[in-house]
Protein backbone atom coordinates (compact mmCIF):
# COMPACT_ATOMS: atom_id res chain seq x y z
CA UNK A 1 -182.28 -38.12 144.24
CA UNK A 2 -179.99 -40.91 143.02
CA UNK A 3 -179.17 -44.07 144.99
CA UNK A 4 -175.88 -42.76 146.37
CA UNK A 5 -177.50 -39.54 147.60
CA UNK A 6 -180.31 -41.53 149.19
CA UNK A 7 -177.87 -43.77 151.07
CA UNK A 8 -175.76 -40.81 152.21
CA UNK A 9 -178.80 -38.81 153.36
CA UNK A 10 -180.25 -41.80 155.19
CA UNK A 11 -176.88 -42.58 156.80
CA UNK A 12 -176.56 -38.99 157.99
CA UNK A 13 -180.04 -39.26 159.51
CA UNK A 14 -179.49 -42.62 161.20
CA UNK A 15 -175.97 -42.69 162.53
CA UNK A 16 -175.31 -39.41 164.36
CA UNK A 17 -177.86 -40.21 167.09
CA UNK A 18 -176.31 -40.71 170.50
CA UNK A 19 -178.00 -42.99 173.00
CA UNK A 20 -176.74 -41.01 175.98
CA UNK A 21 -177.86 -37.65 174.59
CA UNK A 22 -180.78 -36.28 176.66
CA UNK A 23 -182.37 -35.08 173.41
CA UNK A 24 -182.53 -38.63 172.04
CA UNK A 25 -186.04 -40.03 172.00
CA UNK A 26 -185.95 -43.81 172.55
CA UNK A 27 -189.34 -44.16 170.87
CA UNK A 28 -187.80 -42.68 167.74
CA UNK A 29 -185.36 -45.59 167.55
CA UNK A 30 -188.15 -47.72 166.05
CA UNK A 31 -188.52 -45.18 163.29
CA UNK A 32 -184.77 -45.43 162.69
CA UNK A 33 -185.03 -49.20 162.39
CA UNK A 34 -187.86 -48.88 159.88
CA UNK A 35 -185.91 -46.37 157.80
CA UNK A 36 -182.85 -48.64 157.81
CA UNK A 37 -184.86 -51.71 156.86
CA UNK A 38 -186.66 -49.87 154.07
CA UNK A 39 -183.38 -48.64 152.63
CA UNK A 40 -181.92 -52.16 152.64
CA UNK A 41 -185.11 -53.62 151.16
CA UNK A 42 -185.12 -51.01 148.40
CA UNK A 43 -181.44 -50.87 147.45
CA UNK A 44 -180.02 -54.11 148.82
CA UNK A 45 -177.46 -54.88 151.47
CA UNK A 46 -174.58 -54.97 148.97
CA UNK A 47 -175.26 -51.34 148.07
CA UNK A 48 -175.87 -50.00 151.60
CA UNK A 49 -173.27 -51.83 153.70
CA UNK A 50 -170.12 -50.12 152.29
CA UNK A 51 -171.51 -46.68 153.17
CA UNK A 52 -172.45 -47.72 156.70
CA UNK A 53 -169.15 -49.47 157.27
CA UNK A 54 -167.29 -46.40 156.02
CA UNK A 55 -169.31 -44.15 158.33
CA UNK A 56 -168.52 -46.28 161.37
CA UNK A 57 -164.82 -46.37 160.48
CA UNK A 58 -164.64 -42.59 160.04
CA UNK A 59 -166.87 -41.45 162.88
CA UNK A 60 -166.39 -44.07 165.59
CA UNK A 61 -162.70 -43.92 166.42
CA UNK A 62 -163.10 -44.97 170.06
CA UNK A 63 -164.81 -47.88 171.76
CA UNK A 64 -167.53 -45.73 173.39
CA UNK A 65 -168.53 -44.47 169.95
CA UNK A 66 -169.00 -48.00 168.68
CA UNK A 67 -170.69 -49.15 171.89
CA UNK A 68 -173.27 -46.39 171.38
CA UNK A 69 -174.38 -48.23 168.28
CA UNK A 70 -174.04 -51.74 169.68
CA UNK A 71 -176.04 -51.06 172.84
CA UNK A 72 -178.78 -48.79 171.60
CA UNK A 73 -179.24 -49.21 167.91
CA UNK A 74 -181.65 -51.78 166.59
CA UNK A 75 -179.95 -50.69 163.37
CA UNK A 76 -176.79 -52.57 164.35
CA UNK A 77 -178.81 -55.71 165.04
CA UNK A 78 -180.27 -55.33 161.59
CA UNK A 79 -176.79 -54.85 160.10
CA UNK A 80 -175.43 -57.91 161.88
CA UNK A 81 -178.33 -60.10 160.83
CA UNK A 82 -177.97 -58.89 157.24
CA UNK A 83 -174.24 -59.54 157.29
CA UNK A 84 -174.74 -63.01 158.74
CA UNK A 85 -177.30 -63.91 156.09
CA UNK A 86 -175.04 -62.49 153.37
CA UNK A 87 -172.10 -64.64 154.50
CA UNK A 88 -174.04 -67.92 154.57
């Protein structure tokens, strides 16, 4: 699997989860954070961020969609901290 495929597959695993879905397992969110961190550690923020940003733009057209990620996802905290460190 090449880098692009790895990012796309990981993105498709991480982002479709919905916090308010009864099938969502909150304990699994830690696994999601680990997967996200490992991807960034392996490929770098510069490589991963454009795919994640594109996903959010395409699949989160309304505020509740974005809030799902902001409220529940440790992944978003990771993204924000990465972005902040990248900008400084």
